[in-house]
Amino acid sequence: MASDNPNLSPFRDHGGRVLMWHGFADQLIVPQGTIDYCDAVTQTLGGYAQTR
């Protein structure tokens, strides 16, 4: 929810880690939204290696 800002660099730079799980049968949050947000975060942070 409220995932309109994919810039997680301050969180990453302070050592933060995200573990995300999403069920594909979720009735309230569509799976594609989660996938799109993860893609946006990866792109914003400079690619997979920088995100990881």
PDB file of N, CA and C in Angstrom:
ATOM      1  N   MET A   1       0.846  -1.174   0.000  1.00  0.00           N
ATOM      2  CA  MET A   1       0.000   0.000   0.000  1.00  0.00           C
ATOM      3  C   MET A   1       0.893   1.240   0.000  1.00  0.00           C
ATOM      4  N   ALA A   2       0.450   2.261  -0.653  1.00  0.00           N
ATOM      5  CA  ALA A   2       1.185   3.519  -0.755  1.00  0.00           C
ATOM      6  C   ALA A   2       2.577   3.296  -1.337  1.00  0.00           C
ATOM      7  N   SER A   3       2.650   2.494  -2.360  1.00  0.00           N
ATOM      8  CA  SER A   3       3.937   2.157  -2.965  1.00  0.00           C
ATOM      9  C   SER A   3       4.205   3.018  -4.191  1.00  0.00           C
ATOM     10  N   ASP A   4       3.994   4.313  -4.048  1.00  0.00           N
ATOM     11  CA  ASP A   4       4.167   5.200  -5.188  1.00  0.00           C
ATOM     12  C   ASP A   4       5.586   5.753  -5.302  1.00  0.00           C
ATOM     13  N   ASN A   5       6.438   5.504  -4.344  1.00  0.00           N
ATOM     14  CA  ASN A   5       7.815   5.984  -4.394  1.00  0.00           C
ATOM     15  C   ASN A   5       8.760   4.785  -4.385  1.00  0.00           C
ATOM     16  N   PRO A   6       9.374   4.473  -5.532  1.00  0.00           N
ATOM     17  CA  PRO A   6      10.264   3.320  -5.589  1.00  0.00           C
ATOM     18  C   PRO A   6      11.692   3.614  -5.136  1.00  0.00           C
ATOM     19  N   ASN A   7      11.963   4.827  -4.669  1.00  0.00           N
ATOM     20  CA  ASN A   7      13.317   5.163  -4.243  1.00  0.00           C
ATOM     21  C   ASN A   7      13.543   4.689  -2.810  1.00  0.00           C
ATOM     22  N   LEU A   8      14.102   3.511  -2.680  1.00  0.00           N
ATOM     23  CA  LEU A   8      14.393   2.952  -1.364  1.00  0.00           C
ATOM     24  C   LEU A   8      15.873   3.095  -1.004  1.00  0.00           C
ATOM     25  N   SER A   9      16.581   4.002  -1.695  1.00  0.00           N
ATOM     26  CA  SER A   9      18.015   4.142  -1.446  1.00  0.00           C
ATOM     27  C   SER A   9      18.353   4.557  -0.008  1.00  0.00           C
ATOM     28  N   PRO A  10      17.603   5.466   0.631  1.00  0.00           N
ATOM     29  CA  PRO A  10      17.932   5.765   2.028  1.00  0.00           C
ATOM     30  C   PRO A  10      17.787   4.523   2.928  1.00  0.00           C
ATOM     31  N   PHE A  11      16.774   3.750   2.680  1.00  0.00           N
ATOM     32  CA  PHE A  11      16.556   2.507   3.436  1.00  0.00           C
ATOM     33  C   PHE A  11      17.702   1.534   3.190  1.00  0.00           C
ATOM     34  N   ARG A  12      18.070   1.343   1.908  1.00  0.00           N
ATOM     35  CA  ARG A  12      19.169   0.445   1.540  1.00  0.00           C
ATOM     36  C   ARG A  12      20.481   0.925   2.138  1.00  0.00           C
ATOM     37  N   ASP A  13      20.747   2.236   2.042  1.00  0.00           N
ATOM     38  CA  ASP A  13      22.012   2.781   2.502  1.00  0.00           C
ATOM     39  C   ASP A  13      22.197   2.675   4.012  1.00  0.00           C
ATOM     40  N   HIS A  14      21.118   2.538   4.737  1.00  0.00           N
ATOM     41  CA  HIS A  14      21.199   2.340   6.188  1.00  0.00           C
ATOM     42  C   HIS A  14      21.171   0.864   6.568  1.00  0.00           C
ATOM     43  N   GLY A  15      21.359  -0.009   5.575  1.00  0.00           N
ATOM     44  CA  GLY A  15      21.442  -1.440   5.837  1.00  0.00           C
ATOM     45  C   GLY A  15      20.110  -2.159   5.855  1.00  0.00           C
ATOM     46  N   GLY A  16      19.044  -1.497   5.443  1.00  0.00           N
ATOM     47  CA  GLY A  16      17.722  -2.115   5.457  1.00  0.00           C
ATOM     48  C   GLY A  16      17.617  -3.243   4.442  1.00  0.00           C
ATOM     49  N   ARG A  17      16.833  -4.227   4.777  1.00  0.00           N
ATOM     50  CA  ARG A  17      16.562  -5.360   3.892  1.00  0.00           C
ATOM     51  C   ARG A  17      15.053  -5.558   3.814  1.00  0.00           C
ATOM     52  N   VAL A  18      14.568  -5.953   2.651  1.00  0.00           N
ATOM     53  CA  VAL A  18      13.141  -6.191   2.456  1.00  0.00           C
ATOM     54  C   VAL A  18      12.947  -7.651   2.077  1.00  0.00           C
ATOM     55  N   LEU A  19      12.082  -8.298   2.777  1.00  0.00           N
ATOM     56  CA  LEU A  19      11.651  -9.639   2.409  1.00  0.00           C
ATOM     57  C   LEU A  19      10.190  -9.506   2.011  1.00  0.00           C
ATOM     58  N   MET A  20       9.911  -9.779   0.749  1.00  0.00           N
ATOM     59  CA  MET A  20       8.566  -9.570   0.247  1.00  0.00           C
ATOM     60  C   MET A  20       7.977 -10.902  -0.201  1.00  0.00           C
ATOM     61  N   TRP A  21       6.771 -11.156   0.206  1.00  0.00           N
ATOM     62  CA  TRP A  21       6.035 -12.343  -0.199  1.00  0.00           C
ATOM     63  C   TRP A  21       4.655 -11.889  -0.628  1.00  0.00           C
ATOM     64  N   HIS A  22       4.192 -12.465  -1.707  1.00  0.00           N
ATOM     65  CA  HIS A  22       2.876 -12.081  -2.196  1.00  0.00           C
ATOM     66  C   HIS A  22       2.182 -13.302  -2.753  1.00  0.00           C
ATOM     67  N   GLY A  23       0.992 -13.575  -2.266  1.00  0.00           N
ATOM     68  CA  GLY A  23       0.216 -14.693  -2.781  1.00  0.00           C
ATOM     69  C   GLY A  23      -0.497 -14.310  -4.072  1.00  0.00           C
ATOM     70  N   PHE A  24      -0.534 -15.218  -5.016  1.00  0.00           N
ATOM     71  CA  PHE A  24      -1.187 -14.922  -6.285  1.00  0.00           C
ATOM     72  C   PHE A  24      -2.702 -15.033  -6.212  1.00  0.00           C
ATOM     73  N   ALA A  25      -3.235 -15.468  -5.087  1.00  0.00           N
ATOM     74  CA  ALA A  25      -4.687 -15.542  -4.924  1.00  0.00           C
ATOM     75  C   ALA A  25      -5.212 -14.390  -4.068  1.00  0.00           C
ATOM     76  N   ASP A  26      -4.374 -13.387  -3.813  1.00  0.00           N
ATOM     77  CA  ASP A  26      -4.779 -12.250  -2.998  1.00  0.00           C
ATOM     78  C   ASP A  26      -5.911 -11.504  -3.698  1.00  0.00           C
ATOM     79  N   GLN A  27      -6.993 -11.266  -2.984  1.00  0.00           N
ATOM     80  CA  GLN A  27      -8.170 -10.615  -3.554  1.00  0.00           C
ATOM     81  C   GLN A  27      -8.079  -9.085  -3.527  1.00  0.00           C
ATOM     82  N   LEU A  28      -7.202  -8.530  -2.674  1.00  0.00           N
ATOM     83  CA  LEU A  28      -7.149  -7.078  -2.509  1.00  0.00           C
ATOM     84  C   LEU A  28      -5.991  -6.418  -3.237  1.00  0.00           C
ATOM     85  N   ILE A  29      -4.869  -7.085  -3.296  1.00  0.00           N
ATOM     86  CA  ILE A  29      -3.689  -6.514  -3.939  1.00  0.00           C
ATOM     87  C   ILE A  29      -3.307  -7.438  -5.085  1.00  0.00           C
ATOM     88  N   VAL A  30      -3.396  -6.937  -6.293  1.00  0.00           N
ATOM     89  CA  VAL A  30      -3.121  -7.783  -7.450  1.00  0.00           C
ATOM     90  C   VAL A  30      -1.621  -8.056  -7.558  1.00  0.00           C
ATOM     91  N   PRO A  31      -1.248  -9.283  -7.908  1.00  0.00           N
ATOM     92  CA  PRO A  31       0.171  -9.641  -8.000  1.00  0.00           C
ATOM     93  C   PRO A  31       0.968  -8.758  -8.964  1.00  0.00           C
ATOM     94  N   GLN A  32       0.369  -8.338 -10.060  1.00  0.00           N
ATOM     95  CA  GLN A  32       1.114  -7.536 -11.033  1.00  0.00           C
ATOM     96  C   GLN A  32       1.562  -6.207 -10.438  1.00  0.00           C
ATOM     97  N   GLY A  33       0.796  -5.666  -9.504  1.00  0.00           N
ATOM     98  CA  GLY A  33       1.214  -4.430  -8.841  1.00  0.00           C
ATOM     99  C   GLY A  33       2.486  -4.620  -8.044  1.00  0.00           C
ATOM    100  N   THR A  34       2.607  -5.750  -7.371  1.00  0.00           N
ATOM    101  CA  THR A  34       3.813  -6.059  -6.604  1.00  0.00           C
ATOM    102  C   THR A  34       4.999  -6.247  -7.538  1.00  0.00           C
ATOM    103  N   ILE A  35       4.785  -6.951  -8.632  1.00  0.00           N
ATOM    104  CA  ILE A  35       5.847  -7.174  -9.610  1.00  0.00           C
ATOM    105  C   ILE A  35       6.289  -5.838 -10.209  1.00  0.00           C
ATOM    106  N   ASP A  36       5.338  -4.991 -10.558  1.00  0.00           N
ATOM    107  CA  ASP A  36       5.659  -3.674 -11.129  1.00  0.00           C
ATOM    108  C   ASP A  36       6.449  -2.819 -10.143  1.00  0.00           C
ATOM    109  N   TYR A  37       6.074  -2.866  -8.869  1.00  0.00           N
ATOM    110  CA  TYR A  37       6.788  -2.081  -7.861  1.00  0.00           C
ATOM    111  C   TYR A  37       8.215  -2.587  -7.703  1.00  0.00           C
ATOM    112  N   CYS A  38       8.404  -3.893  -7.659  1.00  0.00           N
ATOM    113  CA  CYS A  38       9.756  -4.455  -7.559  1.00  0.00           C
ATOM    114  C   CYS A  38      10.600  -4.047  -8.757  1.00  0.00           C
ATOM    115  N   ASP A  39      10.017  -4.075  -9.941  1.00  0.00           N
ATOM    116  CA  ASP A  39      10.729  -3.645 -11.144  1.00  0.00           C
ATOM    117  C   ASP A  39      11.097  -2.167 -11.062  1.00  0.00           C
ATOM    118  N   ALA A  40      10.189  -1.337 -10.563  1.00  0.00           N
ATOM    119  CA  ALA A  40      10.449   0.099 -10.438  1.00  0.00           C
ATOM    120  C   ALA A  40      11.564   0.368  -9.426  1.00  0.00           C
ATOM    121  N   VAL A  41      11.567  -0.343  -8.318  1.00  0.00           N
ATOM    122  CA  VAL A  41      12.620  -0.188  -7.312  1.00  0.00           C
ATOM    123  C   VAL A  41      13.966  -0.580  -7.919  1.00  0.00           C
ATOM    124  N   THR A  42      13.997  -1.701  -8.613  1.00  0.00           N
ATOM    125  CA  THR A  42      15.239  -2.162  -9.241  1.00  0.00           C
ATOM    126  C   THR A  42      15.764  -1.139 -10.233  1.00  0.00           C
ATOM    127  N   GLN A  43      14.886  -0.588 -11.048  1.00  0.00           N
ATOM    128  CA  GLN A  43      15.299   0.410 -12.036  1.00  0.00           C
ATOM    129  C   GLN A  43      15.774   1.689 -11.352  1.00  0.00           C
ATOM    130  N   THR A  44      15.069   2.129 -10.327  1.00  0.00           N
ATOM    131  CA  THR A  44      15.417   3.368  -9.624  1.00  0.00           C
ATOM    132  C   THR A  44      16.759   3.256  -8.913  1.00  0.00           C
ATOM    133  N   LEU A  45      17.054   2.092  -8.366  1.00  0.00           N
ATOM    134  CA  LEU A  45      18.298   1.915  -7.608  1.00  0.00           C
ATOM    135  C   LEU A  45      19.489   1.569  -8.491  1.00  0.00           C
ATOM    136  N   GLY A  46      19.289   1.489  -9.797  1.00  0.00           N
ATOM    137  CA  GLY A  46      20.421   1.304 -10.693  1.00  0.00           C
ATOM    138  C   GLY A  46      20.659  -0.103 -11.175  1.00  0.00           C
ATOM    139  N   GLY A  47      19.649  -0.938 -11.126  1.00  0.00           N
ATOM    140  CA  GLY A  47      19.778  -2.304 -11.626  1.00  0.00           C
ATOM    141  C   GLY A  47      19.767  -3.329 -10.514  1.00  0.00           C
ATOM    142  N   TYR A  48      19.781  -4.581 -10.928  1.00  0.00           N
ATOM    143  CA  TYR A  48      19.653  -5.678  -9.964  1.00  0.00           C
ATOM    144  C   TYR A  48      20.825  -5.737  -8.984  1.00  0.00           C
ATOM    145  N   ALA A  49      22.050  -5.553  -9.481  1.00  0.00           N
ATOM    146  CA  ALA A  49      23.222  -5.656  -8.613  1.00  0.00           C
ATOM    147  C   ALA A  49      23.192  -4.586  -7.520  1.00  0.00           C
ATOM    148  N   GLN A  50      22.776  -3.358  -7.858  1.00  0.00           N
ATOM    149  CA  GLN A  50      22.708  -2.289  -6.866  1.00  0.00           C
ATOM    150  C   GLN A  50      21.541  -2.486  -5.888  1.00  0.00           C
ATOM    151  N   THR A  51      20.484  -3.093  -6.366  1.00  0.00           N
ATOM    152  CA  THR A  51      19.312  -3.338  -5.513  1.00  0.00           C
ATOM    153  C   THR A  51      19.593  -4.460  -4.532  1.00  0.00           C
ATOM    154  N   ARG A  52      20.241  -5.468  -5.047  1.00  0.00           N
ATOM    155  CA  ARG A  52      20.532  -6.647  -4.242  1.00  0.00           C
ATOM    156  C   ARG A  52      21.437  -6.281  -3.093  1.00  0.00           C
TER     157      ARG A  52
END
